[in-house]
């Protein structure tokens, strides 16, 4: 299993738009077999800071998902709303508890 953690900061006033876009993208993931699970969260102390966690079967599957219209459409929509760069970390899963 491979995991990807993404940290996104949005410009103030656009939190709701980003949240909706991330949730819609996570729901669209359900129509593919590429990704095992996706979670989206907003920092409780910094409402402009969002984190997503994604689990995929392997790196090839993750790469296919990241280049799919589901993801490219998301970044086309949110790019103007971002405050700084998106931080992405990909790693080999060591342990997960359902």
N, C-alpha and C. Protein backbone atom coordinates (compact mmCIF):
# COMPACT_ATOMS: atom_id res chain seq x y z
N UNK A 1 0.85 -1.16 0.00
CA UNK A 1 0.00 0.00 0.00
C UNK A 1 0.90 1.23 0.00
N UNK A 2 0.45 2.28 -0.67
CA UNK A 2 1.19 3.53 -0.70
C UNK A 2 0.26 4.65 -0.21
N UNK A 3 0.81 5.62 0.48
CA UNK A 3 0.00 6.72 1.00
C UNK A 3 0.52 8.05 0.49
N UNK A 4 -0.40 8.99 0.40
CA UNK A 4 -0.05 10.35 0.00
C UNK A 4 -0.74 11.31 0.97
N UNK A 5 0.04 12.19 1.54
CA UNK A 5 -0.49 13.25 2.40
C UNK A 5 -0.28 14.57 1.67
N UNK A 6 -1.34 15.35 1.60
CA UNK A 6 -1.29 16.64 0.92
C UNK A 6 -1.71 17.73 1.89
N UNK A 7 -0.92 18.79 1.96
CA UNK A 7 -1.25 19.93 2.81
C UNK A 7 -1.46 21.13 1.89
N UNK A 8 -2.63 21.74 2.02
CA UNK A 8 -3.04 22.83 1.14
C UNK A 8 -3.48 24.02 1.99
N UNK A 9 -2.95 25.18 1.67
CA UNK A 9 -3.42 26.42 2.32
C UNK A 9 -4.15 27.24 1.27
N UNK A 10 -5.35 27.68 1.65
CA UNK A 10 -6.19 28.45 0.75
C UNK A 10 -6.23 29.90 1.22
N UNK A 11 -6.42 30.81 0.29
CA UNK A 11 -6.56 32.23 0.65
C UNK A 11 -7.79 32.41 1.52
N UNK A 12 -7.67 33.29 2.52
CA UNK A 12 -8.79 33.57 3.42
C UNK A 12 -10.02 33.97 2.62
N UNK A 13 -11.16 33.44 3.06
CA UNK A 13 -12.42 33.73 2.39
C UNK A 13 -12.81 32.68 1.37
N UNK A 14 -11.89 31.76 1.05
CA UNK A 14 -12.16 30.72 0.05
C UNK A 14 -12.21 29.32 0.66
N UNK A 15 -12.27 29.25 1.98
CA UNK A 15 -12.25 27.96 2.66
C UNK A 15 -13.40 27.05 2.22
N UNK A 16 -14.59 27.60 2.14
CA UNK A 16 -15.76 26.80 1.75
C UNK A 16 -15.65 26.25 0.35
N UNK A 17 -15.10 27.04 -0.56
CA UNK A 17 -14.95 26.61 -1.96
C UNK A 17 -13.95 25.46 -2.03
N UNK A 18 -12.83 25.58 -1.31
CA UNK A 18 -11.84 24.52 -1.32
C UNK A 18 -12.38 23.26 -0.67
N UNK A 19 -13.04 23.42 0.46
CA UNK A 19 -13.62 22.26 1.14
C UNK A 19 -14.57 21.50 0.22
N UNK A 20 -15.44 22.22 -0.45
CA UNK A 20 -16.40 21.59 -1.36
C UNK A 20 -15.67 20.87 -2.50
N UNK A 21 -14.66 21.50 -3.07
CA UNK A 21 -13.91 20.89 -4.17
C UNK A 21 -13.20 19.62 -3.72
N UNK A 22 -12.60 19.64 -2.53
CA UNK A 22 -11.90 18.46 -2.03
C UNK A 22 -12.87 17.32 -1.74
N UNK A 23 -14.01 17.64 -1.15
CA UNK A 23 -15.00 16.60 -0.85
C UNK A 23 -15.58 16.02 -2.14
N UNK A 24 -15.88 16.88 -3.11
CA UNK A 24 -16.38 16.38 -4.40
C UNK A 24 -15.37 15.45 -5.05
N UNK A 25 -14.10 15.81 -5.00
CA UNK A 25 -13.06 14.98 -5.59
C UNK A 25 -12.95 13.65 -4.85
N UNK A 26 -13.03 13.68 -3.53
CA UNK A 26 -12.99 12.44 -2.75
C UNK A 26 -14.17 11.55 -3.11
N UNK A 27 -15.33 12.13 -3.29
CA UNK A 27 -16.52 11.34 -3.67
C UNK A 27 -16.38 10.78 -5.08
N UNK A 28 -15.80 11.53 -5.99
CA UNK A 28 -15.58 11.03 -7.35
C UNK A 28 -14.60 9.87 -7.35
N UNK A 29 -13.72 9.84 -6.38
CA UNK A 29 -12.77 8.73 -6.24
C UNK A 29 -13.52 7.42 -6.09
N UNK A 30 -14.69 7.46 -5.50
CA UNK A 30 -15.47 6.25 -5.27
C UNK A 30 -15.87 5.55 -6.56
N UNK A 31 -15.82 6.25 -7.69
CA UNK A 31 -16.20 5.64 -8.96
C UNK A 31 -15.00 5.00 -9.65
N UNK A 32 -13.84 5.02 -9.02
CA UNK A 32 -12.64 4.41 -9.60
C UNK A 32 -12.15 3.31 -8.68
N UNK A 33 -11.33 2.43 -9.21
CA UNK A 33 -10.70 1.41 -8.38
C UNK A 33 -9.27 1.77 -8.05
N UNK A 34 -8.88 2.98 -8.40
CA UNK A 34 -7.48 3.40 -8.26
C UNK A 34 -7.07 3.65 -6.82
N UNK A 35 -7.99 4.09 -6.01
CA UNK A 35 -7.64 4.55 -4.67
C UNK A 35 -8.47 3.79 -3.64
N UNK A 36 -7.82 3.35 -2.59
CA UNK A 36 -8.49 2.58 -1.54
C UNK A 36 -9.31 3.49 -0.64
N UNK A 37 -8.73 4.62 -0.22
CA UNK A 37 -9.46 5.54 0.66
C UNK A 37 -8.90 6.95 0.55
N UNK A 38 -9.77 7.92 0.87
CA UNK A 38 -9.39 9.33 0.90
C UNK A 38 -10.04 9.95 2.13
N UNK A 39 -9.28 10.77 2.85
CA UNK A 39 -9.87 11.56 3.92
C UNK A 39 -9.44 13.01 3.73
N UNK A 40 -10.31 13.92 4.14
CA UNK A 40 -10.05 15.35 4.02
C UNK A 40 -10.31 15.97 5.38
N UNK A 41 -9.41 16.83 5.83
CA UNK A 41 -9.63 17.51 7.11
C UNK A 41 -9.20 18.97 7.01
N UNK A 42 -9.78 19.76 7.92
CA UNK A 42 -9.41 21.18 8.03
C UNK A 42 -8.82 21.38 9.42
N UNK A 43 -7.73 22.10 9.50
CA UNK A 43 -7.08 22.36 10.77
C UNK A 43 -8.03 23.12 11.69
N UNK A 44 -8.17 22.65 12.90
CA UNK A 44 -9.11 23.28 13.83
C UNK A 44 -8.64 24.65 14.31
N UNK A 45 -7.35 24.92 14.24
CA UNK A 45 -6.84 26.22 14.67
C UNK A 45 -6.56 27.18 13.53
N UNK A 46 -6.42 26.66 12.32
CA UNK A 46 -6.14 27.47 11.14
C UNK A 46 -7.12 27.06 10.04
N UNK A 47 -8.24 27.74 9.93
CA UNK A 47 -9.28 27.31 8.99
C UNK A 47 -8.91 27.39 7.51
N UNK A 48 -7.77 27.99 7.19
CA UNK A 48 -7.34 28.04 5.79
C UNK A 48 -6.40 26.89 5.43
N UNK A 49 -6.15 26.00 6.39
CA UNK A 49 -5.21 24.90 6.20
C UNK A 49 -5.95 23.57 6.13
N UNK A 50 -5.77 22.85 5.01
CA UNK A 50 -6.45 21.58 4.77
C UNK A 50 -5.41 20.48 4.58
N UNK A 51 -5.78 19.27 4.98
CA UNK A 51 -4.94 18.11 4.79
C UNK A 51 -5.78 17.00 4.18
N UNK A 52 -5.21 16.29 3.22
CA UNK A 52 -5.88 15.10 2.70
C UNK A 52 -4.91 13.93 2.79
N UNK A 53 -5.49 12.76 3.05
CA UNK A 53 -4.73 11.52 3.13
C UNK A 53 -5.35 10.55 2.14
N UNK A 54 -4.52 9.94 1.34
CA UNK A 54 -4.99 9.05 0.29
C UNK A 54 -4.21 7.74 0.38
N UNK A 55 -4.91 6.63 0.20
CA UNK A 55 -4.26 5.32 0.19
C UNK A 55 -4.53 4.66 -1.16
N UNK A 56 -3.48 4.15 -1.77
CA UNK A 56 -3.60 3.46 -3.06
C UNK A 56 -2.91 2.10 -2.97
N UNK A 57 -3.28 1.22 -3.89
CA UNK A 57 -2.73 -0.14 -3.87
C UNK A 57 -1.23 -0.16 -4.12
N UNK A 58 -0.75 0.69 -5.04
CA UNK A 58 0.67 0.73 -5.37
C UNK A 58 0.98 2.04 -6.08
N UNK A 59 2.24 2.28 -6.38
CA UNK A 59 2.66 3.55 -6.97
C UNK A 59 2.08 3.75 -8.37
N UNK A 60 2.03 2.71 -9.17
CA UNK A 60 1.47 2.84 -10.52
C UNK A 60 0.00 3.25 -10.46
N UNK A 61 -0.73 2.68 -9.51
CA UNK A 61 -2.14 3.04 -9.33
C UNK A 61 -2.26 4.49 -8.90
N UNK A 62 -1.42 4.91 -7.97
CA UNK A 62 -1.44 6.30 -7.51
C UNK A 62 -1.13 7.25 -8.66
N UNK A 63 -0.11 6.92 -9.45
CA UNK A 63 0.26 7.77 -10.58
C UNK A 63 -0.88 7.90 -11.59
N UNK A 64 -1.58 6.80 -11.86
CA UNK A 64 -2.74 6.86 -12.78
C UNK A 64 -3.82 7.78 -12.22
N UNK A 65 -4.06 7.67 -10.92
CA UNK A 65 -5.08 8.51 -10.28
C UNK A 65 -4.68 9.98 -10.34
N UNK A 66 -3.42 10.28 -10.05
CA UNK A 66 -2.97 11.67 -10.01
C UNK A 66 -3.01 12.35 -11.38
N UNK A 67 -2.96 11.58 -12.44
CA UNK A 67 -3.04 12.15 -13.79
C UNK A 67 -4.43 12.00 -14.40
N UNK A 68 -5.38 11.53 -13.62
CA UNK A 68 -6.75 11.35 -14.12
C UNK A 68 -7.49 12.68 -14.14
N UNK A 69 -8.57 12.77 -14.91
CA UNK A 69 -9.38 14.00 -14.93
C UNK A 69 -9.93 14.39 -13.56
N UNK A 70 -10.15 13.42 -12.68
CA UNK A 70 -10.65 13.71 -11.33
C UNK A 70 -9.70 14.68 -10.63
N UNK A 71 -8.41 14.42 -10.71
CA UNK A 71 -7.41 15.23 -10.01
C UNK A 71 -7.04 16.47 -10.81
N UNK A 72 -6.86 16.33 -12.11
CA UNK A 72 -6.47 17.49 -12.91
C UNK A 72 -7.58 18.55 -12.91
N UNK A 73 -8.84 18.11 -12.92
CA UNK A 73 -9.96 19.06 -12.81
C UNK A 73 -9.93 19.80 -11.48
N UNK A 74 -9.62 19.08 -10.40
CA UNK A 74 -9.54 19.70 -9.08
C UNK A 74 -8.51 20.83 -9.09
N UNK A 75 -7.31 20.55 -9.56
CA UNK A 75 -6.26 21.57 -9.50
C UNK A 75 -6.52 22.72 -10.46
N UNK A 76 -7.18 22.46 -11.57
CA UNK A 76 -7.58 23.57 -12.45
C UNK A 76 -8.53 24.52 -11.71
N UNK A 77 -9.43 23.97 -10.92
CA UNK A 77 -10.41 24.80 -10.20
C UNK A 77 -9.82 25.53 -9.01
N UNK A 78 -8.92 24.88 -8.27
CA UNK A 78 -8.46 25.48 -7.02
C UNK A 78 -7.18 26.30 -7.15
N UNK A 79 -6.46 26.17 -8.23
CA UNK A 79 -5.18 26.87 -8.38
C UNK A 79 -5.25 28.36 -8.02
N UNK A 80 -6.25 29.11 -8.51
CA UNK A 80 -6.29 30.55 -8.17
C UNK A 80 -6.59 30.83 -6.69
N UNK A 81 -7.06 29.82 -5.96
CA UNK A 81 -7.44 30.01 -4.56
C UNK A 81 -6.31 29.71 -3.59
N UNK A 82 -5.24 29.13 -4.09
CA UNK A 82 -4.18 28.65 -3.21
C UNK A 82 -3.30 29.77 -2.68
N UNK A 83 -2.87 29.58 -1.44
CA UNK A 83 -1.93 30.49 -0.79
C UNK A 83 -0.63 29.72 -0.64
N UNK A 84 0.27 29.89 -1.57
CA UNK A 84 1.54 29.17 -1.53
C UNK A 84 1.46 27.83 -2.25
N UNK A 85 2.52 27.07 -2.09
CA UNK A 85 2.63 25.77 -2.75
C UNK A 85 1.87 24.69 -1.98
N UNK A 86 1.44 23.68 -2.70
CA UNK A 86 0.84 22.49 -2.10
C UNK A 86 1.99 21.56 -1.70
N UNK A 87 1.96 21.09 -0.46
CA UNK A 87 2.98 20.16 0.02
C UNK A 87 2.44 18.74 -0.13
N UNK A 88 3.19 17.90 -0.82
CA UNK A 88 2.78 16.51 -1.05
C UNK A 88 3.89 15.59 -0.57
N UNK A 89 3.51 14.61 0.24
CA UNK A 89 4.45 13.59 0.72
C UNK A 89 3.88 12.22 0.40
N UNK A 90 4.68 11.39 -0.24
CA UNK A 90 4.27 10.04 -0.63
C UNK A 90 5.17 9.05 0.09
N UNK A 91 4.56 8.01 0.67
CA UNK A 91 5.37 7.03 1.39
C UNK A 91 4.77 5.64 1.32
N UNK A 92 5.58 4.66 1.66
CA UNK A 92 5.13 3.29 1.77
C UNK A 92 4.44 3.11 3.11
N UNK A 93 3.23 2.60 3.08
CA UNK A 93 2.47 2.43 4.32
C UNK A 93 3.12 1.36 5.20
N UNK A 94 3.29 1.68 6.43
CA UNK A 94 3.85 0.74 7.40
C UNK A 94 2.74 0.03 8.16
N UNK A 95 1.70 0.79 8.54
CA UNK A 95 0.60 0.20 9.30
C UNK A 95 -0.65 1.06 9.11
N UNK A 96 -1.79 0.41 9.04
CA UNK A 96 -3.09 1.11 9.02
C UNK A 96 -4.07 0.27 9.81
N UNK A 97 -4.90 0.92 10.59
CA UNK A 97 -5.93 0.24 11.33
C UNK A 97 -7.27 0.68 10.79
N UNK A 98 -8.11 -0.27 10.36
CA UNK A 98 -9.41 0.13 9.79
C UNK A 98 -10.34 0.74 10.81
